[in-house]
PDB file of N, CA and C in Angstrom:
ATOM      1  N   MET A   1     -14.329  -5.590  -2.780  1.00  0.00           N
ATOM      2  CA  MET A   1     -14.110  -4.263  -3.322  1.00  0.00           C
ATOM      3  C   MET A   1     -12.826  -4.271  -4.134  1.00  0.00           C
ATOM      4  N   LEU A   2     -12.712  -3.283  -5.012  1.00  0.00           N
ATOM      5  CA  LEU A   2     -11.564  -3.161  -5.904  1.00  0.00           C
ATOM      6  C   LEU A   2     -10.665  -2.014  -5.453  1.00  0.00           C
ATOM      7  N   PHE A   3      -9.365  -2.296  -5.351  1.00  0.00           N
ATOM      8  CA  PHE A   3      -8.389  -1.304  -4.919  1.00  0.00           C
ATOM      9  C   PHE A   3      -7.176  -1.314  -5.839  1.00  0.00           C
ATOM     10  N   LEU A   4      -6.507  -0.148  -5.899  1.00  0.00           N
ATOM     11  CA  LEU A   4      -5.198  -0.032  -6.523  1.00  0.00           C
ATOM     12  C   LEU A   4      -4.286   0.602  -5.485  1.00  0.00           C
ATOM     13  N   ALA A   5      -3.223  -0.094  -5.117  1.00  0.00           N
ATOM     14  CA  ALA A   5      -2.295   0.406  -4.117  1.00  0.00           C
ATOM     15  C   ALA A   5      -1.127   1.104  -4.809  1.00  0.00           C
ATOM     16  N   ASP A   6      -0.960   2.377  -4.518  1.00  0.00           N
ATOM     17  CA  ASP A   6       0.172   3.162  -5.030  1.00  0.00           C
ATOM     18  C   ASP A   6       1.464   2.596  -4.450  1.00  0.00           C
ATOM     19  N   GLU A   7       2.578   2.916  -5.086  1.00  0.00           N
ATOM     20  CA  GLU A   7       3.873   2.429  -4.608  1.00  0.00           C
ATOM     21  C   GLU A   7       4.182   2.899  -3.186  1.00  0.00           C
ATOM     22  N   SER A   8       3.609   4.012  -2.773  1.00  0.00           N
ATOM     23  CA  SER A   8       3.862   4.518  -1.427  1.00  0.00           C
ATOM     24  C   SER A   8       3.084   3.756  -0.358  1.00  0.00           C
ATOM     25  N   CYS A   9       2.108   2.966  -0.764  1.00  0.00           N
ATOM     26  CA  CYS A   9       1.258   2.247   0.178  1.00  0.00           C
ATOM     27  C   CYS A   9       2.011   1.056   0.769  1.00  0.00           C
ATOM     28  N   ASP A  10       2.004   0.954   2.071  1.00  0.00           N
ATOM     29  CA  ASP A  10       2.638  -0.159   2.775  1.00  0.00           C
ATOM     30  C   ASP A  10       2.073  -1.477   2.244  1.00  0.00           C
ATOM     31  N   PHE A  11       2.939  -2.381   1.803  1.00  0.00           N
ATOM     32  CA  PHE A  11       2.471  -3.625   1.184  1.00  0.00           C
ATOM     33  C   PHE A  11       1.730  -4.521   2.170  1.00  0.00           C
ATOM     34  N   ALA A  12       1.885  -4.276   3.465  1.00  0.00           N
ATOM     35  CA  ALA A  12       1.100  -5.023   4.456  1.00  0.00           C
ATOM     36  C   ALA A  12      -0.392  -4.762   4.263  1.00  0.00           C
ATOM     37  N   VAL A  13      -0.738  -3.560   3.811  1.00  0.00           N
ATOM     38  CA  VAL A  13      -2.140  -3.227   3.532  1.00  0.00           C
ATOM     39  C   VAL A  13      -2.645  -4.061   2.356  1.00  0.00           C
ATOM     40  N   VAL A  14      -1.841  -4.191   1.327  1.00  0.00           N
ATOM     41  CA  VAL A  14      -2.200  -4.998   0.157  1.00  0.00           C
ATOM     42  C   VAL A  14      -2.453  -6.438   0.585  1.00  0.00           C
ATOM     43  N   ARG A  15      -1.520  -7.006   1.332  1.00  0.00           N
ATOM     44  CA  ARG A  15      -1.663  -8.398   1.779  1.00  0.00           C
ATOM     45  C   ARG A  15      -2.900  -8.587   2.650  1.00  0.00           C
ATOM     46  N   ALA A  16      -3.146  -7.652   3.565  1.00  0.00           N
ATOM     47  CA  ALA A  16      -4.286  -7.769   4.474  1.00  0.00           C
ATOM     48  C   ALA A  16      -5.610  -7.687   3.721  1.00  0.00           C
ATOM     49  N   LEU A  17      -5.720  -6.753   2.773  1.00  0.00           N
ATOM     50  CA  LEU A  17      -6.954  -6.642   2.001  1.00  0.00           C
ATOM     51  C   LEU A  17      -7.168  -7.867   1.117  1.00  0.00           C
ATOM     52  N   ARG A  18      -6.114  -8.370   0.512  1.00  0.00           N
ATOM     53  CA  ARG A  18      -6.218  -9.589  -0.295  1.00  0.00           C
ATOM     54  C   ARG A  18      -6.666 -10.755   0.574  1.00  0.00           C
ATOM     55  N   SER A  19      -6.105 -10.865   1.762  1.00  0.00           N
ATOM     56  CA  SER A  19      -6.486 -11.945   2.684  1.00  0.00           C
ATOM     57  C   SER A  19      -7.949 -11.839   3.106  1.00  0.00           C
ATOM     58  N   ALA A  20      -8.461 -10.613   3.136  1.00  0.00           N
ATOM     59  CA  ALA A  20      -9.863 -10.383   3.503  1.00  0.00           C
ATOM     60  C   ALA A  20     -10.799 -10.570   2.307  1.00  0.00           C
ATOM     61  N   GLY A  21     -10.247 -10.959   1.150  1.00  0.00           N
ATOM     62  CA  GLY A  21     -11.078 -11.269  -0.013  1.00  0.00           C
ATOM     63  C   GLY A  21     -11.266 -10.146  -1.008  1.00  0.00           C
ATOM     64  N   HIS A  22     -10.525  -9.066  -0.866  1.00  0.00           N
ATOM     65  CA  HIS A  22     -10.661  -7.940  -1.785  1.00  0.00           C
ATOM     66  C   HIS A  22      -9.695  -8.077  -2.956  1.00  0.00           C
ATOM     67  N   ASP A  23     -10.075  -7.479  -4.075  1.00  0.00           N
ATOM     68  CA  ASP A  23      -9.260  -7.488  -5.291  1.00  0.00           C
ATOM     69  C   ASP A  23      -8.354  -6.258  -5.240  1.00  0.00           C
ATOM     70  N   VAL A  24      -7.064  -6.496  -5.034  1.00  0.00           N
ATOM     71  CA  VAL A  24      -6.115  -5.396  -4.897  1.00  0.00           C
ATOM     72  C   VAL A  24      -5.005  -5.554  -5.921  1.00  0.00           C
ATOM     73  N   GLN A  25      -4.882  -4.554  -6.782  1.00  0.00           N
ATOM     74  CA  GLN A  25      -3.735  -4.483  -7.684  1.00  0.00           C
ATOM     75  C   GLN A  25      -2.724  -3.544  -7.047  1.00  0.00           C
ATOM     76  N   ALA A  26      -1.451  -3.833  -7.241  1.00  0.00           N
ATOM     77  CA  ALA A  26      -0.394  -2.991  -6.693  1.00  0.00           C
ATOM     78  C   ALA A  26       0.416  -2.394  -7.827  1.00  0.00           C
ATOM     79  N   VAL A  27       0.631  -1.095  -7.787  1.00  0.00           N
ATOM     80  CA  VAL A  27       1.402  -0.412  -8.814  1.00  0.00           C
ATOM     81  C   VAL A  27       2.787  -1.036  -8.924  1.00  0.00           C
ATOM     82  N   THR A  28       3.364  -1.472  -7.815  1.00  0.00           N
ATOM     83  CA  THR A  28       4.687  -2.101  -7.859  1.00  0.00           C
ATOM     84  C   THR A  28       4.690  -3.369  -8.703  1.00  0.00           C
ATOM     85  N   GLU A  29       3.534  -3.990  -8.869  1.00  0.00           N
ATOM     86  CA  GLU A  29       3.425  -5.225  -9.644  1.00  0.00           C
ATOM     87  C   GLU A  29       3.019  -4.990 -11.101  1.00  0.00           C
ATOM     88  N   ILE A  30       2.265  -3.906 -11.354  1.00  0.00           N
ATOM     89  CA  ILE A  30       1.727  -3.727 -12.706  1.00  0.00           C
ATOM     90  C   ILE A  30       2.304  -2.535 -13.472  1.00  0.00           C
ATOM     91  N   ALA A  31       2.803  -1.518 -12.775  1.00  0.00           N
ATOM     92  CA  ALA A  31       3.329  -0.322 -13.457  1.00  0.00           C
ATOM     93  C   ALA A  31       4.352   0.386 -12.578  1.00  0.00           C
ATOM     94  N   PRO A  32       5.430  -0.297 -12.189  1.00  0.00           N
ATOM     95  CA  PRO A  32       6.407   0.337 -11.296  1.00  0.00           C
ATOM     96  C   PRO A  32       6.965   1.626 -11.888  1.00  0.00           C
ATOM     97  N   GLY A  33       7.085   2.623 -11.027  1.00  0.00           N
ATOM     98  CA  GLY A  33       7.646   3.903 -11.449  1.00  0.00           C
ATOM     99  C   GLY A  33       6.668   4.832 -12.144  1.00  0.00           C
ATOM    100  N   ALA A  34       5.398   4.453 -12.228  1.00  0.00           N
ATOM    101  CA  ALA A  34       4.397   5.285 -12.911  1.00  0.00           C
ATOM    102  C   ALA A  34       4.226   6.626 -12.198  1.00  0.00           C
ATOM    103  N   GLU A  35       4.014   7.659 -12.979  1.00  0.00           N
ATOM    104  CA  GLU A  35       3.766   9.003 -12.440  1.00  0.00           C
ATOM    105  C   GLU A  35       2.394   9.028 -11.746  1.00  0.00           C
ATOM    106  N   ASP A  36       2.243   9.948 -10.798  1.00  0.00           N
ATOM    107  CA  ASP A  36       1.016  10.024 -10.004  1.00  0.00           C
ATOM    108  C   ASP A  36      -0.244  10.190 -10.853  1.00  0.00           C
ATOM    109  N   ASP A  37      -0.186  11.078 -11.845  1.00  0.00           N
ATOM    110  CA  ASP A  37      -1.393  11.299 -12.655  1.00  0.00           C
ATOM    111  C   ASP A  37      -1.769  10.039 -13.442  1.00  0.00           C
ATOM    112  N   HIS A  38      -0.777   9.273 -13.878  1.00  0.00           N
ATOM    113  CA  HIS A  38      -1.050   8.007 -14.574  1.00  0.00           C
ATOM    114  C   HIS A  38      -1.672   6.997 -13.610  1.00  0.00           C
ATOM    115  N   VAL A  39      -1.162   6.939 -12.387  1.00  0.00           N
ATOM    116  CA  VAL A  39      -1.698   6.019 -11.375  1.00  0.00           C
ATOM    117  C   VAL A  39      -3.155   6.368 -11.090  1.00  0.00           C
ATOM    118  N   LEU A  40      -3.448   7.641 -10.938  1.00  0.00           N
ATOM    119  CA  LEU A  40      -4.819   8.065 -10.659  1.00  0.00           C
ATOM    120  C   LEU A  40      -5.744   7.716 -11.824  1.00  0.00           C
ATOM    121  N   ARG A  41      -5.294   7.927 -13.046  1.00  0.00           N
ATOM    122  CA  ARG A  41      -6.104   7.563 -14.218  1.00  0.00           C
ATOM    123  C   ARG A  41      -6.310   6.053 -14.296  1.00  0.00           C
ATOM    124  N   LEU A  42      -5.284   5.298 -13.973  1.00  0.00           N
ATOM    125  CA  LEU A  42      -5.378   3.841 -13.980  1.00  0.00           C
ATOM    126  C   LEU A  42      -6.416   3.365 -12.968  1.00  0.00           C
ATOM    127  N   ALA A  43      -6.386   3.916 -11.775  1.00  0.00           N
ATOM    128  CA  ALA A  43      -7.364   3.542 -10.743  1.00  0.00           C
ATOM    129  C   ALA A  43      -8.779   3.902 -11.189  1.00  0.00           C
ATOM    130  N   THR A  44      -8.941   5.090 -11.736  1.00  0.00           N
ATOM    131  CA  THR A  44     -10.256   5.548 -12.168  1.00  0.00           C
ATOM    132  C   THR A  44     -10.784   4.696 -13.322  1.00  0.00           C
ATOM    133  N   ALA A  45      -9.941   4.422 -14.303  1.00  0.00           N
ATOM    134  CA  ALA A  45     -10.358   3.626 -15.464  1.00  0.00           C
ATOM    135  C   ALA A  45     -10.757   2.204 -15.075  1.00  0.00           C
ATOM    136  N   SER A  46     -10.121   1.660 -14.055  1.00  0.00           N
ATOM    137  CA  SER A  46     -10.435   0.294 -13.631  1.00  0.00           C
ATOM    138  C   SER A  46     -11.418   0.270 -12.460  1.00  0.00           C
ATOM    139  N   GLU A  47     -11.975   1.447 -12.135  1.00  0.00           N
ATOM    140  CA  GLU A  47     -12.981   1.595 -11.081  1.00  0.00           C
ATOM    141  C   GLU A  47     -12.495   1.045  -9.748  1.00  0.00           C
ATOM    142  N   ARG A  48     -11.278   1.430  -9.391  1.00  0.00           N
ATOM    143  CA  ARG A  48     -10.664   0.993  -8.143  1.00  0.00           C
ATOM    144  C   ARG A  48     -10.441   2.190  -7.223  1.00  0.00           C
ATOM    145  N   ILE A  49     -10.542   1.945  -5.939  1.00  0.00           N
ATOM    146  CA  ILE A  49     -10.207   2.956  -4.941  1.00  0.00           C
ATOM    147  C   ILE A  49      -8.689   2.967  -4.814  1.00  0.00           C
ATOM    148  N   LEU A  50      -8.101   4.140  -4.918  1.00  0.00           N
ATOM    149  CA  LEU A  50      -6.655   4.280  -4.826  1.00  0.00           C
ATOM    150  C   LEU A  50      -6.232   4.360  -3.363  1.00  0.00           C
ATOM    151  N   LEU A  51      -5.288   3.513  -2.980  1.00  0.00           N
ATOM    152  CA  LEU A  51      -4.702   3.517  -1.642  1.00  0.00           C
ATOM    153  C   LEU A  51      -3.331   4.162  -1.740  1.00  0.00           C
ATOM    154  N   THR A  52      -3.074   5.177  -0.941  1.00  0.00           N
ATOM    155  CA  THR A  52      -1.793   5.872  -1.034  1.00  0.00           C
ATOM    156  C   THR A  52      -1.402   6.488   0.295  1.00  0.00           C
ATOM    157  N   GLU A  53      -0.108   6.744   0.423  1.00  0.00           N
ATOM    158  CA  GLU A  53       0.407   7.517   1.545  1.00  0.00           C
ATOM    159  C   GLU A  53       1.015   8.820   1.033  1.00  0.00           C
ATOM    160  N   ASP A  54       0.816   9.108  -0.235  1.00  0.00           N
ATOM    161  CA  ASP A  54       1.384  10.266  -0.921  1.00  0.00           C
ATOM    162  C   ASP A  54       0.350  11.396  -0.975  1.00  0.00           C
ATOM    163  N   ARG A  55       0.620  12.486  -0.295  1.00  0.00           N
ATOM    164  CA  ARG A  55      -0.314  13.623  -0.234  1.00  0.00           C
ATOM    165  C   ARG A  55      -0.504  14.319  -1.587  1.00  0.00           C
ATOM    166  N   ASP A  56       0.396  14.098  -2.511  1.00  0.00           N
ATOM    167  CA  ASP A  56       0.268  14.731  -3.828  1.00  0.00           C
ATOM    168  C   ASP A  56      -1.035  14.346  -4.525  1.00  0.00           C
ATOM    169  N   PHE A  57      -1.578  13.196  -4.213  1.00  0.00           N
ATOM    170  CA  PHE A  57      -2.835  12.790  -4.849  1.00  0.00           C
ATOM    171  C   PHE A  57      -3.988  13.700  -4.434  1.00  0.00           C
ATOM    172  N   GLY A  58      -3.948  14.220  -3.228  1.00  0.00           N
ATOM    173  CA  GLY A  58      -4.970  15.177  -2.798  1.00  0.00           C
ATOM    174  C   GLY A  58      -4.939  16.423  -3.658  1.00  0.00           C
ATOM    175  N   ARG A  59      -3.738  16.867  -4.008  1.00  0.00           N
ATOM    176  CA  ARG A  59      -3.589  18.032  -4.888  1.00  0.00           C
ATOM    177  C   ARG A  59      -4.166  17.731  -6.263  1.00  0.00           C
ATOM    178  N   LEU A  60      -3.894  16.541  -6.776  1.00  0.00           N
ATOM    179  CA  LEU A  60      -4.416  16.181  -8.100  1.00  0.00           C
ATOM    180  C   LEU A  60      -5.942  16.154  -8.107  1.00  0.00           C
ATOM    181  N   VAL A  61      -6.525  15.643  -7.045  1.00  0.00           N
ATOM    182  CA  VAL A  61      -7.985  15.511  -6.986  1.00  0.00           C
ATOM    183  C   VAL A  61      -8.655  16.859  -6.730  1.00  0.00           C
ATOM    184  N   TYR A  62      -8.144  17.628  -5.765  1.00  0.00           N
ATOM    185  CA  TYR A  62      -8.816  18.875  -5.403  1.00  0.00           C
ATOM    186  C   TYR A  62      -8.348  20.080  -6.220  1.00  0.00           C
ATOM    187  N   ALA A  63      -7.074  20.307  -6.324  1.00  0.00           N
ATOM    188  CA  ALA A  63      -6.587  21.488  -7.031  1.00  0.00           C
ATOM    189  C   ALA A  63      -6.689  21.345  -8.542  1.00  0.00           C
ATOM    190  N   HIS A  64      -6.404  20.152  -9.046  1.00  0.00           N
ATOM    191  CA  HIS A  64      -6.425  19.943 -10.487  1.00  0.00           C
ATOM    192  C   HIS A  64      -7.703  19.259 -10.973  1.00  0.00           C
ATOM    193  N   ARG A  65      -8.579  18.959 -10.030  1.00  0.00           N
ATOM    194  CA  ARG A  65      -9.903  18.397 -10.330  1.00  0.00           C
ATOM    195  C   ARG A  65      -9.847  17.140 -11.197  1.00  0.00           C
ATOM    196  N   GLN A  66      -8.857  16.290 -10.936  1.00  0.00           N
ATOM    197  CA  GLN A  66      -8.807  15.027 -11.670  1.00  0.00           C
ATOM    198  C   GLN A  66      -9.842  14.072 -11.092  1.00  0.00           C
ATOM    199  N   GLU A  67     -10.471  13.346 -11.986  1.00  0.00           N
ATOM    200  CA  GLU A  67     -11.519  12.406 -11.603  1.00  0.00           C
ATOM    201  C   GLU A  67     -10.929  11.242 -10.813  1.00  0.00           C
ATOM    202  N   THR A  68     -11.726  10.724  -9.892  1.00  0.00           N
ATOM    203  CA  THR A  68     -11.320   9.556  -9.112  1.00  0.00           C
ATOM    204  C   THR A  68     -12.539   8.728  -8.746  1.00  0.00           C
ATOM    205  N   GLY A  69     -12.322   7.434  -8.633  1.00  0.00           N
ATOM    206  CA  GLY A  69     -13.380   6.537  -8.176  1.00  0.00           C
ATOM    207  C   GLY A  69     -13.338   6.345  -6.673  1.00  0.00           C
ATOM    208  N   GLY A  70     -12.434   7.075  -6.037  1.00  0.00           N
ATOM    209  CA  GLY A  70     -12.244   6.988  -4.594  1.00  0.00           C
ATOM    210  C   GLY A  70     -10.759   6.994  -4.289  1.00  0.00           C
ATOM    211  N   LEU A  71     -10.403   7.599  -3.178  1.00  0.00           N
ATOM    212  CA  LEU A  71      -9.006   7.696  -2.793  1.00  0.00           C
ATOM    213  C   LEU A  71      -8.918   7.602  -1.281  1.00  0.00           C
ATOM    214  N   MET A  72      -8.019   6.760  -0.799  1.00  0.00           N
ATOM    215  CA  MET A  72      -7.768   6.647   0.637  1.00  0.00           C
ATOM    216  C   MET A  72      -6.335   7.081   0.907  1.00  0.00           C
ATOM    217  N   LEU A  73      -6.182   8.202   1.615  1.00  0.00           N
ATOM    218  CA  LEU A  73      -4.877   8.714   2.012  1.00  0.00           C
ATOM    219  C   LEU A  73      -4.595   8.202   3.420  1.00  0.00           C
ATOM    220  N   LEU A  74      -3.568   7.370   3.528  1.00  0.00           N
ATOM    221  CA  LEU A  74      -3.216   6.738   4.795  1.00  0.00           C
ATOM    222  C   LEU A  74      -2.092   7.523   5.453  1.00  0.00           C
ATOM    223  N   ARG A  75      -2.373   8.076   6.628  1.00  0.00           N
ATOM    224  CA  ARG A  75      -1.402   8.933   7.325  1.00  0.00           C
ATOM    225  C   ARG A  75      -1.101   8.338   8.701  1.00  0.00           C
ATOM    226  N   TYR A  76      -0.241   7.350   8.726  1.00  0.00           N
ATOM    227  CA  TYR A  76       0.121   6.669   9.964  1.00  0.00           C
ATOM    228  C   TYR A  76       1.603   6.900  10.250  1.00  0.00           C
ATOM    229  N   PRO A  77       1.919   7.547  11.377  1.00  0.00           N
ATOM    230  CA  PRO A  77       3.322   7.766  11.725  1.00  0.00           C
ATOM    231  C   PRO A  77       3.989   6.447  12.117  1.00  0.00           C
ATOM    232  N   GLY A  78       5.301   6.468  12.201  1.00  0.00           N
ATOM    233  CA  GLY A  78       6.077   5.273  12.506  1.00  0.00           C
ATOM    234  C   GLY A  78       5.619   4.504  13.729  1.00  0.00           C
ATOM    235  N   ASN A  79       5.209   5.212  14.780  1.00  0.00           N
ATOM    236  CA  ASN A  79       4.834   4.528  16.016  1.00  0.00           C
ATOM    237  C   ASN A  79       3.451   3.864  15.943  1.00  0.00           C
ATOM    238  N   ALA A  80       2.720   4.059  14.854  1.00  0.00           N
ATOM    239  CA  ALA A  80       1.389   3.449  14.702  1.00  0.00           C
ATOM    240  C   ALA A  80       1.313   2.510  13.501  1.00  0.00           C
ATOM    241  N   ARG A  81       2.427   2.296  12.825  1.00  0.00           N
ATOM    242  CA  ARG A  81       2.439   1.509  11.583  1.00  0.00           C
ATOM    243  C   ARG A  81       1.936   0.083  11.783  1.00  0.00           C
ATOM    244  N   ARG A  82       2.173  -0.487  12.951  1.00  0.00           N
ATOM    245  CA  ARG A  82       1.772  -1.874  13.170  1.00  0.00           C
ATOM    246  C   ARG A  82       0.263  -2.062  13.069  1.00  0.00           C
ATOM    247  N   ASP A  83      -0.509  -0.992  13.247  1.00  0.00           N
ATOM    248  CA  ASP A  83      -1.970  -1.078  13.211  1.00  0.00           C
ATOM    249  C   ASP A  83      -2.562  -0.726  11.845  1.00  0.00           C
ATOM    250  N   LEU A  84      -1.752  -0.239  10.943  1.00  0.00           N
ATOM    251  CA  LEU A  84      -2.246   0.285   9.668  1.00  0.00           C
ATOM    252  C   LEU A  84      -3.066  -0.729   8.876  1.00  0.00           C
ATOM    253  N   ALA A  85      -2.512  -1.871   8.569  1.00  0.00           N
ATOM    254  CA  ALA A  85      -3.216  -2.856   7.736  1.00  0.00           C
ATOM    255  C   ALA A  85      -4.519  -3.293   8.398  1.00  0.00           C
ATOM    256  N   ARG A  86      -4.465  -3.566   9.680  1.00  0.00           N
ATOM    257  CA  ARG A  86      -5.674  -3.983  10.411  1.00  0.00           C
ATOM    258  C   ARG A  86      -6.746  -2.894  10.360  1.00  0.00           C
ATOM    259  N   ASP A  87      -6.341  -1.651  10.565  1.00  0.00           N
ATOM    260  CA  ASP A  87      -7.303  -0.547  10.568  1.00  0.00           C
ATOM    261  C   ASP A  87      -7.926  -0.340   9.188  1.00  0.00           C
ATOM    262  N   VAL A  88      -7.151  -0.488   8.124  1.00  0.00           N
ATOM    263  CA  VAL A  88      -7.701  -0.350   6.771  1.00  0.00           C
ATOM    264  C   VAL A  88      -8.749  -1.438   6.524  1.00  0.00           C
ATOM    265  N   VAL A  89      -8.448  -2.667   6.876  1.00  0.00           N
ATOM    266  CA  VAL A  89      -9.405  -3.763   6.675  1.00  0.00           C
ATOM    267  C   VAL A  89     -10.674  -3.504   7.475  1.00  0.00           C
ATOM    268  N   ARG A  90     -10.537  -3.040   8.696  1.00  0.00           N
ATOM    269  CA  ARG A  90     -11.717  -2.728   9.525  1.00  0.00           C
ATOM    270  C   ARG A  90     -12.563  -1.613   8.898  1.00  0.00           C
ATOM    271  N   LEU A  91     -11.899  -0.585   8.400  1.00  0.00           N
ATOM    272  CA  LEU A  91     -12.634   0.518   7.765  1.00  0.00           C
ATOM    273  C   LEU A  91     -13.391   0.022   6.544  1.00  0.00           C
ATOM    274  N   VAL A  92     -12.745  -0.761   5.716  1.00  0.00           N
ATOM    275  CA  VAL A  92     -13.394  -1.276   4.512  1.00  0.00           C
ATOM    276  C   VAL A  92     -14.587  -2.155   4.903  1.00  0.00           C
ATOM    277  N   LYS A  93     -14.428  -2.938   5.930  1.00  0.00           N
ATOM    278  CA  LYS A  93     -15.526  -3.805   6.377  1.00  0.00           C
ATOM    279  C   LYS A  93     -16.694  -2.983   6.926  1.00  0.00           C
ATOM    280  N   SER A  94     -16.403  -1.939   7.676  1.00  0.00           N
ATOM    281  CA  SER A  94     -17.474  -1.163   8.314  1.00  0.00           C
ATOM    282  C   SER A  94     -18.100  -0.104   7.411  1.00  0.00           C
ATOM    283  N   ARG A  95     -17.329   0.482   6.504  1.00  0.00           N
ATOM    284  CA  ARG A  95     -17.846   1.575   5.673  1.00  0.00           C
ATOM    285  C   ARG A  95     -18.064   1.178   4.222  1.00  0.00           C
ATOM    286  N   GLY A  96     -17.403   0.117   3.781  1.00  0.00           N
ATOM    287  CA  GLY A  96     -17.569  -0.464   2.459  1.00  0.00           C
ATOM    288  C   GLY A  96     -17.882   0.491   1.333  1.00  0.00           C
ATOM    289  N   GLU A  97     -19.085   0.401   0.823  1.00  0.00           N
ATOM    290  CA  GLU A  97     -19.490   1.153  -0.373  1.00  0.00           C
ATOM    291  C   GLU A  97     -19.431   2.664  -0.180  1.00  0.00           C
ATOM    292  N   ARG A  98     -19.438   3.147   1.046  1.00  0.00           N
ATOM    293  CA  ARG A  98     -19.349   4.599   1.277  1.00  0.00           C
ATOM    294  C   ARG A  98     -17.999   5.148   0.818  1.00  0.00           C
ATOM    295  N   LEU A  99     -17.009   4.268   0.712  1.00  0.00           N
ATOM    296  CA  LEU A  99     -15.674   4.692   0.305  1.00  0.00           C
ATOM    297  C   LEU A  99     -15.576   4.946  -1.198  1.00  0.00           C
ATOM    298  N   VAL A 100     -16.443   4.309  -1.963  1.00  0.00           N
ATOM    299  CA  VAL A 100     -16.421   4.454  -3.417  1.00  0.00           C
ATOM    300  C   VAL A 100     -16.754   5.903  -3.783  1.00  0.00           C
ATOM    301  N   GLY A 101     -15.874   6.520  -4.548  1.00  0.00           N
ATOM    302  CA  GLY A 101     -16.091   7.900  -4.980  1.00  0.00           C
ATOM    303  C   GLY A 101     -15.773   8.946  -3.927  1.00  0.00           C
ATOM    304  N   SER A 102     -15.297   8.532  -2.772  1.00  0.00           N
ATOM    305  CA  SER A 102     -15.002   9.463  -1.677  1.00  0.00           C
ATOM    306  C   SER A 102     -13.511   9.722  -1.553  1.00  0.00           C
ATOM    307  N   PHE A 103     -13.195  10.797  -0.852  1.00  0.00           N
ATOM    308  CA  PHE A 103     -11.812  11.098  -0.487  1.00  0.00           C
ATOM    309  C   PHE A 103     -11.715  10.820   1.001  1.00  0.00           C
ATOM    310  N   VAL A 104     -10.899   9.846   1.356  1.00  0.00           N
ATOM    311  CA  VAL A 104     -10.792   9.396   2.738  1.00  0.00           C
ATOM    312  C   VAL A 104      -9.393   9.702   3.264  1.00  0.00           C
ATOM    313  N   VAL A 105      -9.336  10.323   4.421  1.00  0.00           N
ATOM    314  CA  VAL A 105      -8.069  10.518   5.110  1.00  0.00           C
ATOM    315  C   VAL A 105      -8.144   9.690   6.379  1.00  0.00           C
ATOM    316  N   MET A 106      -7.207   8.753   6.494  1.00  0.00           N
ATOM    317  CA  MET A 106      -7.216   7.832   7.615  1.00  0.00           C
ATOM    318  C   MET A 106      -5.959   8.041   8.453  1.00  0.00           C
ATOM    319  N   GLU A 107      -6.181   8.325   9.735  1.00  0.00           N
ATOM    320  CA  GLU A 107      -5.105   8.508  10.696  1.00  0.00           C
ATOM    321  C   GLU A 107      -5.413   7.619  11.900  1.00  0.00           C
ATOM    322  N   PRO A 108      -4.446   7.335  12.734  1.00  0.00           N
ATOM    323  CA  PRO A 108      -4.733   6.514  13.906  1.00  0.00           C
ATOM    324  C   PRO A 108      -5.864   7.129  14.733  1.00  0.00           C
ATOM    325  N   GLY A 109      -6.935   6.384  14.917  1.00  0.00           N
ATOM    326  CA  GLY A 109      -8.060   6.852  15.720  1.00  0.00           C
ATOM    327  C   GLY A 109      -8.966   7.864  15.049  1.00  0.00           C
ATOM    328  N   ARG A 110      -8.761   8.142  13.762  1.00  0.00           N
ATOM    329  CA  ARG A 110      -9.565   9.174  13.090  1.00  0.00           C
ATOM    330  C   ARG A 110      -9.701   8.872  11.609  1.00  0.00           C
ATOM    331  N   VAL A 111     -10.935   8.997  11.109  1.00  0.00           N
ATOM    332  CA  VAL A 111     -11.205   8.820   9.682  1.00  0.00           C
ATOM    333  C   VAL A 111     -12.088   9.972   9.231  1.00  0.00           C
ATOM    334  N   ARG A 112     -11.680  10.636   8.142  1.00  0.00           N
ATOM    335  CA  ARG A 112     -12.503  11.692   7.538  1.00  0.00           C
ATOM    336  C   ARG A 112     -12.886  11.245   6.140  1.00  0.00           C
ATOM    337  N   ILE A 113     -14.171  11.253   5.866  1.00  0.00           N
ATOM    338  CA  ILE A 113     -14.676  10.861   4.554  1.00  0.00           C
ATOM    339  C   ILE A 113     -15.407  12.043   3.957  1.00  0.00           C
ATOM    340  N   SER A 114     -14.960  12.472   2.772  1.00  0.00           N
ATOM    341  CA  SER A 114     -15.627  13.586   2.102  1.00  0.00           C
ATOM    342  C   SER A 114     -15.848  13.215   0.648  1.00  0.00           C
ATOM    343  N   THR A 115     -16.729  13.945   0.019  1.00  0.00           N
ATOM    344  CA  THR A 115     -16.974  13.697  -1.394  1.00  0.00           C
ATOM    345  C   THR A 115     -15.892  14.395  -2.212  1.00  0.00           C
ATOM    346  N   THR A 116     -15.613  13.838  -3.365  1.00  0.00           N
ATOM    347  CA  THR A 116     -14.632  14.466  -4.231  1.00  0.00           C
ATOM    348  C   THR A 116     -15.330  15.521  -5.079  1.00  0.00           C
ATOM    349  N   PRO A 117     -14.577  16.518  -5.516  1.00  0.00           N
ATOM    350  CA  PRO A 117     -15.190  17.601  -6.304  1.00  0.00           C
ATOM    351  C   PRO A 117     -15.760  17.107  -7.619  1.00  0.00           C
TER     352      PRO A 117
END
């Protein structure tokens, strides 16, 4: 699967997905400092699911109706961070193509998948 990791995304997630064979571009490597709307357009244009920990992307997708090829909002508090990368890889393995075009909110022990507007 194809992913774009926002600068807010823990780089352990990038490494874990790459190790699992996924194509992951990281904003820190290709467009450091890019504004959120540019990052979202970049992910959409390259048909990548955006990985982020920044809630502002939800506003862009729902309130401003910006197009997306899929977005995963990762909400893991400090005491659960050690499980984040592993849980993302497991979700991608188990739900795979269902994530494409969806808005996913991932928290420890809970995943919500909805369609984007």
